[in-house]
């Protein structure tokens, strides 16, 4: 099968189309014909060698999310049928015509969602849902502060917060503020002024949310932190 492989790390020029052996599903895995994949910041970091493929598979095939159809089932797999539309997140391997994944790791693509759209859902929306709802316990009526609101995870976080009835404030650059507002952000704070925390406090108070010690936003999602 054809796949994009990495033999070295660097710019886009290191991505090479090669013929590789097709994967074979194990007893608990499904084989997926990949119709579409997507490019996220993590994919760029993987190509640069800053987000290595933890599977340690050679040749290294990048690509962290996919949408496609089930091509074959492992012997112990139930609940899936050949031809089903699936999507998911992988540690790598999505820049290929086929991949194998554990049957429990694949997600059903809703019938109203085209596969090309489904390929852009798993990484950002699952990441945002896990961070905001599963880990941080964001619920209706509470406030979340999302840094990099115009990023992939940020835009997903805005939509998820609004869908569950939560309020969301975001930081972003001035040129992306309108995009964040269009997705439903309650407060949009341009990150350039050093006093954006003051703007956050004023905005929360204008929405009737108390500020001060132990009050203010309930959840902070920071996807840009680091040294």
Protein backbone atom coordinates (compact mmCIF):
# COMPACT_ATOMS: atom_id res chain seq x y z
CA UNK A 1 0.00 0.00 0.00
CA UNK A 2 1.03 3.64 -0.31
CA UNK A 3 1.91 5.69 2.73
CA UNK A 4 3.68 8.91 3.60
CA UNK A 5 6.78 8.00 5.60
CA UNK A 6 9.39 9.85 7.60
CA UNK A 7 13.02 8.80 7.29
CA UNK A 8 14.22 12.07 8.81
CA UNK A 9 12.64 15.03 10.55
CA UNK A 10 12.28 18.51 9.13
CA UNK A 11 10.07 20.60 6.88
CA UNK A 12 7.34 19.35 4.54
CA UNK A 13 9.99 18.20 2.07
CA UNK A 14 10.83 15.20 4.31
CA UNK A 15 7.38 13.69 3.70
CA UNK A 16 7.86 10.92 1.14
CA UNK A 17 5.27 8.69 -0.53
CA UNK A 18 6.45 5.07 -0.41
CA UNK A 19 5.17 1.54 -0.87
CA UNK A 20 4.96 -0.27 2.48
CA UNK A 21 3.56 -3.58 3.66
CA UNK A 22 -0.15 -3.36 4.44
CA UNK A 23 -1.09 -3.79 8.11
CA UNK A 24 -2.74 -6.97 9.32
CA UNK A 25 -5.37 -6.68 12.06
CA UNK A 26 -4.87 -8.63 15.27
CA UNK A 27 -7.72 -10.54 16.88
CA UNK A 28 -9.09 -7.43 18.65
CA UNK A 29 -8.39 -4.95 15.85
CA UNK A 30 -10.12 -3.66 12.75
CA UNK A 31 -8.52 -2.83 9.43
CA UNK A 32 -9.57 0.58 8.13
CA UNK A 33 -9.44 1.93 4.60
CA UNK A 34 -8.39 5.53 5.24
CA UNK A 35 -10.41 7.97 3.15
CA UNK A 36 -9.29 11.20 4.80
CA UNK A 37 -6.84 12.48 7.38
CA UNK A 38 -6.20 15.95 8.80
CA UNK A 39 -3.29 18.16 9.80
CA UNK A 40 -3.06 19.54 13.33
CA UNK A 41 -0.30 21.35 15.17
CA UNK A 42 0.69 18.01 16.67
CA UNK A 43 1.21 16.60 13.17
CA UNK A 44 3.63 19.41 12.39
CA UNK A 45 5.50 18.74 15.63
CA UNK A 46 5.61 15.03 14.80
CA UNK A 47 7.16 15.80 11.42
CA UNK A 48 9.74 18.01 13.15
CA UNK A 49 10.64 15.22 15.58
CA UNK A 50 9.19 17.00 18.61
CA UNK A 51 6.23 14.63 18.87
CA UNK A 52 7.74 11.24 18.04
CA UNK A 53 5.62 8.24 17.14
CA UNK A 54 5.50 6.30 20.45
CA UNK A 55 4.75 3.05 18.62
CA UNK A 56 8.39 2.90 17.47
CA UNK A 57 7.23 1.43 14.16
CA UNK A 58 9.57 1.62 11.18
CA UNK A 59 9.21 3.13 8.71
CA UNK A 60 7.57 5.88 10.71
CA UNK A 61 4.21 6.79 9.21
CA UNK A 62 2.88 10.07 10.64
CA UNK A 63 -0.73 11.14 10.90
CA UNK A 64 -2.76 11.30 14.10
CA UNK A 65 -6.40 11.15 13.04
CA UNK A 66 -8.45 9.56 10.29
CA UNK A 67 -11.87 8.82 8.87
CA UNK A 68 -12.64 5.85 6.67
CA UNK A 69 -14.44 2.55 6.31
CA UNK A 70 -13.97 -0.80 8.01
CA UNK A 71 -12.20 -3.16 5.60
CA UNK A 72 -11.72 -6.27 7.76
CA UNK A 73 -12.30 -7.52 11.30
CA UNK A 74 -10.07 -9.39 13.73
CA UNK A 75 -11.31 -12.76 14.92
CA UNK A 76 -12.59 -11.54 18.29
CA UNK A 77 -14.13 -8.27 17.09
CA UNK A 78 -17.85 -7.70 17.49
CA UNK A 79 -20.00 -4.62 17.01
CA UNK A 80 -18.47 -3.60 13.69
CA UNK A 81 -19.35 -4.56 10.12
CA UNK A 82 -17.24 -4.26 7.00
CA UNK A 83 -18.16 -0.97 5.35
CA UNK A 84 -19.00 0.90 8.56
CA UNK A 85 -17.87 4.53 8.63
CA UNK A 86 -15.32 5.09 11.42
CA UNK A 87 -13.03 7.81 12.73
CA UNK A 88 -10.43 8.01 15.45
CA UNK A 89 -7.15 9.20 16.94
CA UNK A 90 -3.94 7.21 16.57
CA UNK A 91 -0.37 7.63 17.79
CA UNK A 92 0.64 7.66 14.14
CA UNK A 93 0.00 5.79 10.93
CA UNK A 94 -2.90 7.78 9.47
CA UNK A 95 -0.98 9.05 6.43
CA UNK A 96 -1.54 5.70 4.75
CA UNK A 97 -4.12 3.95 2.62
CA UNK A 98 -4.88 1.55 5.47
CA UNK A 99 -4.35 1.32 9.23
CA UNK A 100 -5.23 -1.05 12.04
CA UNK A 101 -6.74 0.08 15.32
CA UNK A 102 -8.22 -1.59 18.38
CA UNK A 103 -11.93 -2.11 17.84
CA UNK A 104 -12.73 -0.15 21.00
CA UNK A 105 -10.65 2.84 19.85
CA UNK A 106 -12.70 3.49 16.71
CA UNK A 107 -15.69 5.82 16.74
CA UNK A 108 -18.81 5.64 14.61
CA UNK A 109 -19.17 8.52 12.16
CA UNK A 110 -22.70 9.96 12.43
CA UNK A 111 -24.65 9.34 9.21
CA UNK A 112 -25.10 13.07 8.60
CA UNK A 113 -21.35 13.80 8.75
CA UNK A 114 -19.29 13.39 5.54
CA UNK A 115 -16.06 11.46 5.98
CA UNK A 116 -13.98 14.47 4.94
CA UNK A 117 -15.49 16.42 7.84
CA UNK A 118 -15.23 13.50 10.25
CA UNK A 119 -11.47 13.35 9.75
CA UNK A 120 -11.12 16.74 11.44
CA UNK A 121 -13.20 15.82 14.50
CA UNK A 122 -11.31 13.28 16.65
CA UNK A 123 -8.12 15.05 17.69
CA UNK A 124 -9.44 18.48 18.58
CA UNK A 125 -12.93 17.64 19.81
CA UNK A 126 -11.96 14.59 21.86
CA UNK A 127 -9.02 16.51 23.35
CA UNK A 128 -11.26 19.45 24.25
CA UNK A 129 -14.05 17.24 25.62
CA UNK A 130 -11.66 15.21 27.74
CA UNK A 131 -9.96 18.31 29.13
CA UNK A 132 -13.05 20.41 29.82
CA UNK A 133 -15.70 17.86 30.73
CA UNK A 134 -14.03 14.60 31.75
CA UNK A 135 -10.98 15.95 33.58
CA UNK A 136 -12.12 19.40 34.74
CA UNK A 137 -15.83 18.70 35.21
CA UNK A 138 -17.16 21.69 33.29
CA UNK A 139 -20.97 21.78 33.49
CA UNK A 140 -23.82 24.08 32.53
CA UNK A 141 -23.62 27.56 34.00
CA UNK A 142 -19.91 27.41 34.86
CA UNK A 143 -17.13 29.45 33.24
CA UNK A 144 -14.13 28.23 31.26
CA UNK A 145 -11.12 30.27 30.16
CA UNK A 146 -9.60 28.88 26.97
CA UNK A 147 -6.21 30.14 25.81
CA UNK A 148 -5.56 30.09 22.05
CA UNK A 149 -9.27 30.22 21.38
CA UNK A 150 -8.76 30.24 17.60
CA UNK A 151 -6.63 27.07 17.60
CA UNK A 152 -8.07 23.69 16.66
CA UNK A 153 -8.60 22.61 20.27
CA UNK A 154 -9.68 26.14 21.18
CA UNK A 155 -12.43 26.34 18.56
CA UNK A 156 -13.64 22.88 19.58
CA UNK A 157 -13.63 23.94 23.24
CA UNK A 158 -15.78 26.99 22.51
CA UNK A 159 -18.40 24.89 20.74
CA UNK A 160 -18.41 22.18 23.40
CA UNK A 161 -18.77 24.70 26.21
CA UNK A 162 -21.69 26.36 24.48
CA UNK A 163 -23.33 23.02 23.68
CA UNK A 164 -23.39 21.97 27.35
CA UNK A 165 -24.63 25.37 28.52
CA UNK A 166 -21.35 26.62 29.97
CA UNK A 167 -19.86 30.09 29.49
CA UNK A 168 -16.50 30.55 27.81
CA UNK A 169 -13.88 33.29 27.70
CA UNK A 170 -10.98 33.01 25.28
CA UNK A 171 -7.67 34.67 24.55
CA UNK A 172 -6.54 35.10 20.96
CA UNK A 173 -4.82 37.54 18.62
CA UNK A 174 -6.78 40.55 17.39
CA UNK A 175 -7.17 39.17 13.88
CA UNK A 176 -8.91 36.03 15.15
CA UNK A 177 -11.29 37.66 17.62
CA UNK A 178 -14.29 37.74 15.29
CA UNK A 179 -13.90 34.04 14.50
CA UNK A 180 -14.04 33.20 18.20
CA UNK A 181 -17.10 35.38 18.68
CA UNK A 182 -18.84 33.71 15.75
CA UNK A 183 -18.41 30.33 17.46
CA UNK A 184 -20.12 31.61 20.59
CA UNK A 185 -17.39 32.82 22.94
CA UNK A 186 -18.92 35.02 25.66
CA UNK A 187 -15.72 37.00 26.21
CA UNK A 188 -12.92 37.47 23.69
CA UNK A 189 -9.69 38.86 25.12
CA UNK A 190 -6.91 40.00 22.81
CA UNK A 191 -3.76 38.52 24.26
CA UNK A 192 -1.42 41.34 23.20
CA UNK A 193 -2.26 43.80 26.00
CA UNK A 194 -0.41 42.80 29.14
CA UNK A 195 -3.49 43.62 31.20
CA UNK A 196 -5.82 41.03 29.62
CA UNK A 197 -6.44 39.54 33.11
CA UNK A 198 -8.00 42.88 34.05
CA UNK A 199 -10.20 42.73 30.96
CA UNK A 200 -11.17 39.19 31.96
CA UNK A 201 -12.15 40.30 35.44
CA UNK A 202 -14.17 43.23 34.12
CA UNK A 203 -15.89 41.02 31.55
CA UNK A 204 -16.82 38.38 34.11
CA UNK A 205 -18.26 40.99 36.43
CA UNK A 206 -20.26 42.47 33.54
CA UNK A 207 -21.77 39.00 33.07
CA UNK A 208 -22.64 38.79 36.75
CA UNK A 209 -19.82 36.39 37.62
CA UNK A 210 -18.05 37.25 40.92
CA UNK A 211 -14.27 37.61 40.82
CA UNK A 212 -11.62 37.45 43.49
CA UNK A 213 -10.01 34.75 45.61
CA UNK A 214 -11.42 31.31 44.74
CA UNK A 215 -14.01 32.79 42.38
CA UNK A 216 -13.94 33.78 38.71
CA UNK A 217 -13.49 31.14 36.04
CA UNK A 218 -14.02 27.52 37.05
CA UNK A 219 -11.81 25.85 34.44
CA UNK A 220 -8.73 26.99 32.52
CA UNK A 221 -7.69 25.19 29.33
CA UNK A 222 -4.15 26.14 28.28
CA UNK A 223 -2.94 24.50 25.07
CA UNK A 224 0.08 26.78 24.60
CA UNK A 225 1.83 26.57 27.97
CA UNK A 226 5.38 25.31 28.30
CA UNK A 227 8.96 26.42 28.58
